[in-house]
Amino acid sequence: MLYPSIDKLLKVVDSKYSLAIVAAKRSKEMSVNESYQLPLTKYKNQKNIGKALEEIYQGLIIINNDN
């Protein structure tokens, strides 16, 4: 996976752990519901995990750090 890079993603998300959890959940949601926030032609990645990371990087997924 080249886009988005881990360095860019960590500017959006506070930890690698949070990034992995959110990306996995969003990827699963994409697989089950086939729901995407962008038209499929706008994604650079073909796999859902890459698409989820793109959405996180673009700010389409809001991560709430409140516990």
Protein backbone atom coordinates (compact mmCIF):
# COMPACT_ATOMS: atom_id res chain seq x y z
CA MET A 1 0.00 0.00 0.00
CA LEU A 2 1.52 3.26 -1.07
CA TYR A 3 -1.34 5.72 -0.68
CA PRO A 4 -1.93 7.16 1.80
CA SER A 5 1.36 6.66 3.61
CA ILE A 6 1.47 5.77 7.29
CA ASP A 7 3.17 9.09 8.04
CA LYS A 8 0.28 11.04 6.51
CA LEU A 9 -2.31 8.89 8.28
CA LEU A 10 -0.68 9.38 11.68
CA LYS A 11 -1.16 13.14 11.28
CA VAL A 12 -4.91 12.45 11.18
CA VAL A 13 -5.10 9.65 13.78
CA ASP A 14 -3.32 9.73 17.12
CA SER A 15 -2.01 6.14 17.14
CA LYS A 16 -1.38 3.16 14.92
CA TYR A 17 -3.69 1.10 17.13
CA SER A 18 -6.63 3.45 16.61
CA LEU A 19 -5.90 3.58 12.89
CA ALA A 20 -5.91 -0.21 12.59
CA ILE A 21 -9.18 -0.60 14.52
CA VAL A 22 -11.04 2.12 12.62
CA ALA A 23 -9.77 0.97 9.22
CA ALA A 24 -10.71 -2.64 9.93
CA LYS A 25 -14.21 -1.69 11.06
CA ARG A 26 -14.78 0.54 8.04
CA SER A 27 -13.41 -2.10 5.68
CA LYS A 28 -15.78 -4.69 7.14
CA GLU A 29 -18.68 -2.24 6.76
CA MET A 30 -17.76 -1.72 3.11
CA SER A 31 -17.67 -5.47 2.51
CA VAL A 32 -21.00 -6.19 4.17
CA ASN A 33 -23.05 -3.20 3.02
CA GLU A 34 -21.17 -2.20 -0.12
CA SER A 35 -21.46 1.39 1.10
CA TYR A 36 -18.81 3.81 -0.07
CA GLN A 37 -18.50 7.52 0.66
CA LEU A 38 -16.94 8.30 -2.71
CA PRO A 39 -17.69 7.07 -6.22
CA LEU A 40 -15.64 3.92 -6.83
CA THR A 41 -13.68 5.66 -9.60
CA LYS A 42 -12.30 8.20 -7.08
CA TYR A 43 -10.47 5.59 -4.97
CA LYS A 44 -6.84 4.82 -5.74
CA ASN A 45 -6.88 1.47 -3.91
CA GLN A 46 -8.81 -1.55 -5.10
CA LYS A 47 -9.16 -3.33 -1.76
CA ASN A 48 -11.59 -2.18 0.90
CA ILE A 49 -8.90 -1.73 3.55
CA GLY A 50 -7.09 0.72 1.28
CA LYS A 51 -10.35 2.51 0.52
CA ALA A 52 -11.04 2.80 4.24
CA LEU A 53 -7.61 4.33 4.82
CA GLU A 54 -8.24 6.81 2.00
CA GLU A 55 -11.51 7.84 3.64
CA ILE A 56 -9.76 8.31 6.98
CA TYR A 57 -7.04 10.41 5.38
CA GLN A 58 -9.56 12.60 3.54
CA GLY A 59 -11.46 13.26 6.76
CA LEU A 60 -14.57 11.35 5.71
CA ILE A 61 -14.29 9.15 8.80
CA ILE A 62 -14.33 11.02 12.10
CA ILE A 63 -12.54 9.28 14.94
CA ASN A 64 -13.90 10.12 18.35
CA ASN A 65 -11.22 9.70 21.03
CA ASP A 66 -13.64 10.30 23.92
CA ASN A 67 -14.01 7.27 26.16
